[in-house]
Amino acid sequence: MSKMIFVNLPVTDLARSTAFYQALGATRNDQFSDDSTANCLVLSDTIHVMALTHEKYAQFTSKPIADAHATSQVLLCLSCTSRAEVDDAVENAAAAGGKADPGAIQDFGFMYGRSFEDPDGHHWEVMWMDLEAAKVAMSGESAPAASETEPA
């Protein structure tokens, strides 16, 4: 079985947060959801967002719950299959009540990234990377010109 991650996020309005993540393509897992204190939102087979009311979240920690609009504790990043998918994710987040591009857009040619905040201020990065081009860029070598890679 692949390792899974459950990103537990404290939210101020469970219904609003559930609708936000569903607008991004997440599906609600009824087995781990109750619509009153917690909803499990499945982003992929291995990535789940647990939207928890502050009362529910407080059952797992004695630390104060941070206001994600005012402080930062974690940056979450999801990979995409294309630059267009990155742009679509940010546009969908903004249309669903999130904030588009709270961080700078990153375009390194081989890697492209943008970001959004959910309605509670949790910061998400979305990025696409051409792994082969990244290897070349990180090795310090020059990428072969198109004429060098295409048959004559």
Protein backbone atom coordinates (compact mmCIF):
# COMPACT_ATOMS: atom_id res chain seq x y z
CA MET A 1 0.00 0.00 0.00
CA SER A 2 1.29 3.47 -0.87
CA LYS A 3 1.85 5.92 1.94
CA MET A 4 -0.96 8.41 2.30
CA ILE A 5 -1.02 11.92 3.69
CA PHE A 6 -3.94 13.44 5.56
CA VAL A 7 -3.53 17.22 5.71
CA ASN A 8 -5.50 18.32 8.79
CA LEU A 9 -6.66 21.92 8.49
CA PRO A 10 -8.56 23.94 11.09
CA VAL A 11 -11.45 25.75 9.41
CA THR A 12 -13.91 28.38 10.60
CA ASP A 13 -16.79 27.32 8.33
CA LEU A 14 -16.88 23.59 7.53
CA ALA A 15 -19.51 23.84 4.79
CA ARG A 16 -17.64 26.70 3.05
CA SER A 17 -14.33 24.82 3.22
CA THR A 18 -15.92 21.61 1.95
CA ALA A 19 -17.45 23.46 -1.01
CA PHE A 20 -14.10 25.17 -1.71
CA TYR A 21 -12.13 21.91 -1.93
CA GLN A 22 -14.89 20.21 -3.91
CA ALA A 23 -14.71 23.10 -6.41
CA LEU A 24 -11.02 22.22 -6.82
CA GLY A 25 -11.97 18.65 -7.70
CA ALA A 26 -11.86 16.94 -4.30
CA THR A 27 -14.46 14.32 -3.49
CA ARG A 28 -15.98 13.92 -0.04
CA ASN A 29 -15.24 10.61 1.68
CA ASP A 30 -18.43 9.85 3.63
CA GLN A 31 -16.67 7.27 5.81
CA PHE A 32 -14.55 9.98 7.48
CA SER A 33 -16.99 12.91 7.29
CA ASP A 34 -19.86 14.05 9.47
CA ASP A 35 -20.71 17.56 8.13
CA SER A 36 -20.69 18.98 11.66
CA THR A 37 -17.08 18.74 12.89
CA ALA A 38 -14.99 17.12 10.13
CA ASN A 39 -15.04 16.34 6.43
CA CYS A 40 -12.49 14.24 4.56
CA LEU A 41 -11.83 15.59 1.07
CA VAL A 42 -9.95 13.32 -1.30
CA LEU A 43 -7.58 15.05 -3.72
CA SER A 44 -6.00 11.80 -4.97
CA ASP A 45 -5.61 8.17 -3.92
CA THR A 46 -2.84 9.25 -1.55
CA ILE A 47 -3.72 12.84 -0.59
CA HIS A 48 -6.64 13.77 1.66
CA VAL A 49 -7.57 17.07 3.27
CA MET A 50 -9.23 16.77 6.66
CA ALA A 51 -11.25 19.96 7.14
CA LEU A 52 -11.79 20.19 10.90
CA THR A 53 -13.74 22.74 12.92
CA HIS A 54 -11.58 24.51 15.47
CA GLU A 55 -13.25 22.50 18.23
CA LYS A 56 -12.41 19.21 16.50
CA TYR A 57 -8.87 20.31 15.60
CA ALA A 58 -8.24 21.27 19.24
CA GLN A 59 -8.80 17.62 20.24
CA PHE A 60 -5.49 16.76 18.54
CA THR A 61 -3.26 19.49 20.00
CA SER A 62 -2.92 21.61 23.09
CA LYS A 63 -1.28 24.42 21.09
CA PRO A 64 -3.26 27.49 20.05
CA ILE A 65 -4.69 27.36 16.54
CA ALA A 66 -2.94 29.87 14.32
CA ASP A 67 -4.80 32.38 12.20
CA ALA A 68 -3.51 31.37 8.76
CA HIS A 69 -4.43 34.83 7.42
CA ALA A 70 -1.89 36.40 9.80
CA THR A 71 0.79 33.73 10.29
CA SER A 72 2.41 30.98 8.26
CA GLN A 73 3.33 27.57 9.56
CA VAL A 74 3.36 25.40 6.46
CA LEU A 75 3.29 25.73 2.67
CA LEU A 76 1.51 22.86 0.97
CA CYS A 77 2.39 21.98 -2.62
CA LEU A 78 0.55 19.86 -5.18
CA SER A 79 2.02 18.79 -8.50
CA CYS A 80 0.19 19.26 -11.78
CA THR A 81 0.63 17.60 -15.15
CA SER A 82 0.93 20.84 -17.15
CA ARG A 83 1.31 24.60 -16.92
CA ALA A 84 -2.34 24.91 -17.97
CA GLU A 85 -3.40 22.69 -15.05
CA VAL A 86 -1.49 25.01 -12.68
CA ASP A 87 -3.34 28.02 -14.06
CA ASP A 88 -6.69 26.19 -13.93
CA ALA A 89 -6.15 25.21 -10.28
CA VAL A 90 -5.47 28.81 -9.23
CA GLU A 91 -8.38 30.16 -11.28
CA ASN A 92 -10.71 27.53 -9.77
CA ALA A 93 -9.51 28.39 -6.26
CA ALA A 94 -10.18 32.10 -6.80
CA ALA A 95 -13.62 31.41 -8.30
CA ALA A 96 -14.48 29.23 -5.27
CA GLY A 97 -13.68 31.98 -2.74
CA GLY A 98 -9.93 31.59 -2.34
CA LYS A 99 -7.21 34.15 -2.98
CA ALA A 100 -5.12 33.76 -6.14
CA ASP A 101 -1.35 34.19 -6.11
CA PRO A 102 -0.57 35.35 -2.56
CA GLY A 103 3.01 34.41 -3.44
CA ALA A 104 5.02 35.31 -6.52
CA ILE A 105 4.46 33.34 -9.71
CA GLN A 106 7.54 31.21 -10.35
CA ASP A 107 8.56 30.49 -13.94
CA PHE A 108 11.95 28.89 -14.45
CA GLY A 109 11.16 27.37 -17.84
CA PHE A 110 11.52 23.79 -16.60
CA MET A 111 9.30 24.56 -13.59
CA TYR A 112 6.19 26.70 -13.26
CA GLY A 113 4.36 27.43 -10.05
CA ARG A 114 1.58 29.56 -8.67
CA SER A 115 -0.28 29.62 -5.37
CA PHE A 116 -3.61 30.22 -3.71
CA GLU A 117 -5.04 30.55 -0.23
CA ASP A 118 -8.19 28.76 0.83
CA PRO A 119 -10.91 30.79 2.60
CA ASP A 120 -9.16 30.20 5.96
CA GLY A 121 -5.82 31.48 4.65
CA HIS A 122 -4.05 28.11 4.26
CA HIS A 123 -1.38 28.57 1.58
CA TRP A 124 -1.23 26.05 -1.27
CA GLU A 125 1.36 25.95 -4.03
CA VAL A 126 0.61 24.25 -7.36
CA MET A 127 3.47 23.45 -9.68
CA TRP A 128 4.44 21.71 -12.90
CA MET A 129 7.95 20.52 -13.66
CA ASP A 130 9.65 19.04 -16.72
CA LEU A 131 11.86 16.56 -14.84
CA GLU A 132 14.33 16.01 -17.68
CA ALA A 133 14.82 19.74 -18.21
CA ALA A 134 15.14 20.20 -14.42
CA LYS A 135 17.94 17.61 -14.28
CA VAL A 136 19.81 19.47 -17.00
CA ALA A 137 19.23 22.86 -15.34
CA MET A 138 20.38 21.60 -11.94
CA SER A 139 23.48 19.91 -13.37
CA GLY A 140 24.71 23.20 -14.82
CA GLU A 141 24.86 21.71 -18.33
CA SER A 142 23.24 23.34 -21.31
CA ALA A 143 20.16 21.72 -22.74
CA PRO A 144 20.77 20.37 -26.24
CA ALA A 145 19.46 22.56 -29.03
CA ALA A 146 16.40 21.20 -30.81
CA SER A 147 18.51 20.50 -33.90
CA GLU A 148 20.82 18.31 -31.78
CA THR A 149 17.97 16.13 -30.53
CA GLU A 150 15.97 15.76 -33.73
CA PRO A 151 17.01 13.21 -36.37
CA ALA A 152 18.34 14.70 -39.58
